[in-house]
Amino acid sequence: MNKKNFYIGMGMGVLVGGISAMAMRPKKQRCVKSVVGRTLRTMGDVADSVSGIMGW
């Protein structure tokens, strides 16, 4: 497996997961800035967990 393809696949997975997490949130009147911040923080935590497991 090529590392470039792996990184592209991981990036696409994180992106799609983040978008789906934003779409599945309850439709309350919240500040968009806080929703995006929480989503980015969650995506960062997931990326850190994956990189920690893989030993990067």
PDB file of N, CA and C in Angstrom:
ATOM      1  N   MET A   1       0.845  -1.179   0.000  1.00  0.00           N
ATOM      2  CA  MET A   1       0.000   0.000   0.000  1.00  0.00           C
ATOM      3  C   MET A   1       0.888   1.239   0.000  1.00  0.00           C
ATOM      4  N   ASN A   2       0.517   2.193  -0.767  1.00  0.00           N
ATOM      5  CA  ASN A   2       1.256   3.440  -0.873  1.00  0.00           C
ATOM      6  C   ASN A   2       0.877   4.358   0.291  1.00  0.00           C
ATOM      7  N   LYS A   3       1.867   5.004   0.929  1.00  0.00           N
ATOM      8  CA  LYS A   3       1.582   5.870   2.071  1.00  0.00           C
ATOM      9  C   LYS A   3       0.748   7.077   1.673  1.00  0.00           C
ATOM     10  N   LYS A   4       0.975   7.583   0.461  1.00  0.00           N
ATOM     11  CA  LYS A   4       0.212   8.748   0.012  1.00  0.00           C
ATOM     12  C   LYS A   4      -1.275   8.409  -0.057  1.00  0.00           C
ATOM     13  N   ASN A   5      -1.600   7.249  -0.603  1.00  0.00           N
ATOM     14  CA  ASN A   5      -2.998   6.829  -0.680  1.00  0.00           C
ATOM     15  C   ASN A   5      -3.592   6.642   0.705  1.00  0.00           C
ATOM     16  N   PHE A   6      -2.811   6.130   1.633  1.00  0.00           N
ATOM     17  CA  PHE A   6      -3.280   5.943   3.003  1.00  0.00           C
ATOM     18  C   PHE A   6      -3.605   7.288   3.633  1.00  0.00           C
ATOM     19  N   TYR A   7      -2.721   8.265   3.482  1.00  0.00           N
ATOM     20  CA  TYR A   7      -2.954   9.591   4.069  1.00  0.00           C
ATOM     21  C   TYR A   7      -4.170  10.271   3.438  1.00  0.00           C
ATOM     22  N   ILE A   8      -4.336  10.108   2.152  1.00  0.00           N
ATOM     23  CA  ILE A   8      -5.509  10.680   1.486  1.00  0.00           C
ATOM     24  C   ILE A   8      -6.782  10.018   2.018  1.00  0.00           C
ATOM     25  N   GLY A   9      -6.747   8.718   2.177  1.00  0.00           N
ATOM     26  CA  GLY A   9      -7.908   7.995   2.714  1.00  0.00           C
ATOM     27  C   GLY A   9      -8.228   8.402   4.137  1.00  0.00           C
ATOM     28  N   MET A  10      -7.201   8.548   4.971  1.00  0.00           N
ATOM     29  CA  MET A  10      -7.424   8.979   6.349  1.00  0.00           C
ATOM     30  C   MET A  10      -7.990  10.386   6.391  1.00  0.00           C
ATOM     31  N   GLY A  11      -7.464  11.269   5.571  1.00  0.00           N
ATOM     32  CA  GLY A  11      -7.953  12.645   5.531  1.00  0.00           C
ATOM     33  C   GLY A  11      -9.403  12.715   5.082  1.00  0.00           C
ATOM     34  N   MET A  12      -9.744  11.942   4.075  1.00  0.00           N
ATOM     35  CA  MET A  12     -11.122  11.923   3.597  1.00  0.00           C
ATOM     36  C   MET A  12     -12.054  11.354   4.665  1.00  0.00           C
ATOM     37  N   GLY A  13     -11.606  10.339   5.373  1.00  0.00           N
ATOM     38  CA  GLY A  13     -12.425   9.753   6.440  1.00  0.00           C
ATOM     39  C   GLY A  13     -12.681  10.729   7.569  1.00  0.00           C
ATOM     40  N   VAL A  14     -11.651  11.458   7.963  1.00  0.00           N
ATOM     41  CA  VAL A  14     -11.813  12.453   9.025  1.00  0.00           C
ATOM     42  C   VAL A  14     -12.727  13.572   8.558  1.00  0.00           C
ATOM     43  N   LEU A  15     -12.575  13.995   7.316  1.00  0.00           N
ATOM     44  CA  LEU A  15     -13.412  15.062   6.773  1.00  0.00           C
ATOM     45  C   LEU A  15     -14.876  14.635   6.709  1.00  0.00           C
ATOM     46  N   VAL A  16     -15.139  13.457   6.189  1.00  0.00           N
ATOM     47  CA  VAL A  16     -16.515  12.970   6.089  1.00  0.00           C
ATOM     48  C   VAL A  16     -17.104  12.754   7.483  1.00  0.00           C
ATOM     49  N   GLY A  17     -16.314  12.247   8.410  1.00  0.00           N
ATOM     50  CA  GLY A  17     -16.790  12.064   9.779  1.00  0.00           C
ATOM     51  C   GLY A  17     -17.139  13.381  10.439  1.00  0.00           C
ATOM     52  N   GLY A  18     -16.326  14.394  10.223  1.00  0.00           N
ATOM     53  CA  GLY A  18     -16.606  15.710  10.796  1.00  0.00           C
ATOM     54  C   GLY A  18     -17.856  16.338  10.220  1.00  0.00           C
ATOM     55  N   ILE A  19     -18.026  16.207   8.917  1.00  0.00           N
ATOM     56  CA  ILE A  19     -19.213  16.756   8.281  1.00  0.00           C
ATOM     57  C   ILE A  19     -20.463  16.030   8.756  1.00  0.00           C
ATOM     58  N   SER A  20     -20.379  14.712   8.875  1.00  0.00           N
ATOM     59  CA  SER A  20     -21.548  13.966   9.344  1.00  0.00           C
ATOM     60  C   SER A  20     -21.856  14.278  10.804  1.00  0.00           C
ATOM     61  N   ALA A  21     -20.829  14.517  11.617  1.00  0.00           N
ATOM     62  CA  ALA A  21     -21.060  14.890  13.018  1.00  0.00           C
ATOM     63  C   ALA A  21     -21.760  16.237  13.101  1.00  0.00           C
ATOM     64  N   MET A  22     -21.380  17.188  12.240  1.00  0.00           N
ATOM     65  CA  MET A  22     -22.054  18.482  12.232  1.00  0.00           C
ATOM     66  C   MET A  22     -23.497  18.339  11.752  1.00  0.00           C
ATOM     67  N   ALA A  23     -23.738  17.459  10.795  1.00  0.00           N
ATOM     68  CA  ALA A  23     -25.081  17.302  10.249  1.00  0.00           C
ATOM     69  C   ALA A  23     -26.022  16.608  11.234  1.00  0.00           C
ATOM     70  N   MET A  24     -25.490  15.740  12.092  1.00  0.00           N
ATOM     71  CA  MET A  24     -26.335  14.993  13.017  1.00  0.00           C
ATOM     72  C   MET A  24     -26.595  15.713  14.331  1.00  0.00           C
ATOM     73  N   ARG A  25     -26.021  16.876  14.518  1.00  0.00           N
ATOM     74  CA  ARG A  25     -26.259  17.621  15.754  1.00  0.00           C
ATOM     75  C   ARG A  25     -27.710  18.097  15.807  1.00  0.00           C
ATOM     76  N   PRO A  26     -28.240  18.217  17.024  1.00  0.00           N
ATOM     77  CA  PRO A  26     -29.603  18.739  17.144  1.00  0.00           C
ATOM     78  C   PRO A  26     -29.700  20.155  16.575  1.00  0.00           C
ATOM     79  N   LYS A  27     -30.846  20.490  16.022  1.00  0.00           N
ATOM     80  CA  LYS A  27     -31.040  21.792  15.387  1.00  0.00           C
ATOM     81  C   LYS A  27     -31.503  22.828  16.418  1.00  0.00           C
ATOM     82  N   LYS A  28     -30.630  23.212  17.312  1.00  0.00           N
ATOM     83  CA  LYS A  28     -30.925  24.260  18.273  1.00  0.00           C
ATOM     84  C   LYS A  28     -30.288  25.552  17.780  1.00  0.00           C
ATOM     85  N   GLN A  29     -30.745  26.654  18.303  1.00  0.00           N
ATOM     86  CA  GLN A  29     -30.175  27.942  17.929  1.00  0.00           C
ATOM     87  C   GLN A  29     -28.863  28.142  18.686  1.00  0.00           C
ATOM     88  N   ARG A  30     -27.807  27.687  18.105  1.00  0.00           N
ATOM     89  CA  ARG A  30     -26.484  27.834  18.706  1.00  0.00           C
ATOM     90  C   ARG A  30     -25.621  28.674  17.794  1.00  0.00           C
ATOM     91  N   CYS A  31     -24.610  29.198  18.383  1.00  0.00           N
ATOM     92  CA  CYS A  31     -23.649  29.964  17.606  1.00  0.00           C
ATOM     93  C   CYS A  31     -22.878  29.005  16.699  1.00  0.00           C
ATOM     94  N   VAL A  32     -22.808  29.313  15.432  1.00  0.00           N
ATOM     95  CA  VAL A  32     -22.129  28.446  14.468  1.00  0.00           C
ATOM     96  C   VAL A  32     -20.654  28.317  14.823  1.00  0.00           C
ATOM     97  N   LYS A  33     -20.084  29.379  15.360  1.00  0.00           N
ATOM     98  CA  LYS A  33     -18.671  29.369  15.706  1.00  0.00           C
ATOM     99  C   LYS A  33     -18.371  28.315  16.772  1.00  0.00           C
ATOM    100  N   SER A  34     -19.241  28.170  17.776  1.00  0.00           N
ATOM    101  CA  SER A  34     -18.998  27.189  18.825  1.00  0.00           C
ATOM    102  C   SER A  34     -19.188  25.764  18.315  1.00  0.00           C
ATOM    103  N   VAL A  35     -20.150  25.558  17.410  1.00  0.00           N
ATOM    104  CA  VAL A  35     -20.370  24.229  16.842  1.00  0.00           C
ATOM    105  C   VAL A  35     -19.161  23.807  16.021  1.00  0.00           C
ATOM    106  N   VAL A  36     -18.647  24.717  15.219  1.00  0.00           N
ATOM    107  CA  VAL A  36     -17.470  24.406  14.402  1.00  0.00           C
ATOM    108  C   VAL A  36     -16.268  24.157  15.302  1.00  0.00           C
ATOM    109  N   GLY A  37     -16.118  24.933  16.349  1.00  0.00           N
ATOM    110  CA  GLY A  37     -15.006  24.744  17.278  1.00  0.00           C
ATOM    111  C   GLY A  37     -15.045  23.383  17.948  1.00  0.00           C
ATOM    112  N   ARG A  38     -16.242  22.991  18.404  1.00  0.00           N
ATOM    113  CA  ARG A  38     -16.373  21.679  19.041  1.00  0.00           C
ATOM    114  C   ARG A  38     -16.114  20.553  18.048  1.00  0.00           C
ATOM    115  N   THR A  39     -16.588  20.708  16.830  1.00  0.00           N
ATOM    116  CA  THR A  39     -16.369  19.681  15.815  1.00  0.00           C
ATOM    117  C   THR A  39     -14.892  19.556  15.480  1.00  0.00           C
ATOM    118  N   LEU A  40     -14.210  20.683  15.325  1.00  0.00           N
ATOM    119  CA  LEU A  40     -12.769  20.638  15.042  1.00  0.00           C
ATOM    120  C   LEU A  40     -11.994  20.036  16.197  1.00  0.00           C
ATOM    121  N   ARG A  41     -12.409  20.334  17.423  1.00  0.00           N
ATOM    122  CA  ARG A  41     -11.724  19.755  18.584  1.00  0.00           C
ATOM    123  C   ARG A  41     -11.910  18.243  18.601  1.00  0.00           C
ATOM    124  N   THR A  42     -13.131  17.767  18.304  1.00  0.00           N
ATOM    125  CA  THR A  42     -13.391  16.336  18.257  1.00  0.00           C
ATOM    126  C   THR A  42     -12.579  15.667  17.154  1.00  0.00           C
ATOM    127  N   MET A  43     -12.520  16.297  15.986  1.00  0.00           N
ATOM    128  CA  MET A  43     -11.728  15.745  14.884  1.00  0.00           C
ATOM    129  C   MET A  43     -10.248  15.690  15.261  1.00  0.00           C
ATOM    130  N   GLY A  44      -9.750  16.699  15.959  1.00  0.00           N
ATOM    131  CA  GLY A  44      -8.364  16.695  16.411  1.00  0.00           C
ATOM    132  C   GLY A  44      -8.093  15.581  17.394  1.00  0.00           C
ATOM    133  N   ASP A  45      -9.050  15.350  18.310  1.00  0.00           N
ATOM    134  CA  ASP A  45      -8.898  14.259  19.270  1.00  0.00           C
ATOM    135  C   ASP A  45      -8.855  12.909  18.572  1.00  0.00           C
ATOM    136  N   VAL A  46      -9.705  12.735  17.566  1.00  0.00           N
ATOM    137  CA  VAL A  46      -9.719  11.474  16.817  1.00  0.00           C
ATOM    138  C   VAL A  46      -8.402  11.294  16.069  1.00  0.00           C
ATOM    139  N   ALA A  47      -7.919  12.353  15.441  1.00  0.00           N
ATOM    140  CA  ALA A  47      -6.652  12.254  14.708  1.00  0.00           C
ATOM    141  C   ALA A  47      -5.494  11.953  15.656  1.00  0.00           C
ATOM    142  N   ASP A  48      -5.494  12.555  16.850  1.00  0.00           N
ATOM    143  CA  ASP A  48      -4.445  12.265  17.828  1.00  0.00           C
ATOM    144  C   ASP A  48      -4.515  10.818  18.299  1.00  0.00           C
ATOM    145  N   SER A  49      -5.722  10.317  18.498  1.00  0.00           N
ATOM    146  CA  SER A  49      -5.878   8.930  18.931  1.00  0.00           C
ATOM    147  C   SER A  49      -5.371   7.963  17.873  1.00  0.00           C
ATOM    148  N   VAL A  50      -5.732   8.225  16.621  1.00  0.00           N
ATOM    149  CA  VAL A  50      -5.300   7.335  15.532  1.00  0.00           C
ATOM    150  C   VAL A  50      -3.777   7.382  15.390  1.00  0.00           C
ATOM    151  N   SER A  51      -3.206   8.583  15.438  1.00  0.00           N
ATOM    152  CA  SER A  51      -1.755   8.670  15.284  1.00  0.00           C
ATOM    153  C   SER A  51      -1.041   8.063  16.486  1.00  0.00           C
ATOM    154  N   GLY A  52      -1.632   8.160  17.667  1.00  0.00           N
ATOM    155  CA  GLY A  52      -1.038   7.534  18.844  1.00  0.00           C
ATOM    156  C   GLY A  52      -1.052   6.026  18.763  1.00  0.00           C
ATOM    157  N   ILE A  53      -2.158   5.479  18.260  1.00  0.00           N
ATOM    158  CA  ILE A  53      -2.263   4.027  18.117  1.00  0.00           C
ATOM    159  C   ILE A  53      -1.271   3.504  17.083  1.00  0.00           C
ATOM    160  N   MET A  54      -1.092   4.280  16.000  1.00  0.00           N
ATOM    161  CA  MET A  54      -0.216   3.819  14.928  1.00  0.00           C
ATOM    162  C   MET A  54       1.258   4.128  15.211  1.00  0.00           C
ATOM    163  N   GLY A  55       1.531   4.889  16.254  1.00  0.00           N
ATOM    164  CA  GLY A  55       2.906   5.144  16.643  1.00  0.00           C
ATOM    165  C   GLY A  55       3.590   6.262  15.894  1.00  0.00           C
ATOM    166  N   TRP A  56       2.836   7.264  15.424  1.00  0.00           N
ATOM    167  CA  TRP A  56       3.444   8.371  14.700  1.00  0.00           C
ATOM    168  C   TRP A  56       3.829   9.410  15.661  1.00  0.00           C
TER     169      TRP A  56
END
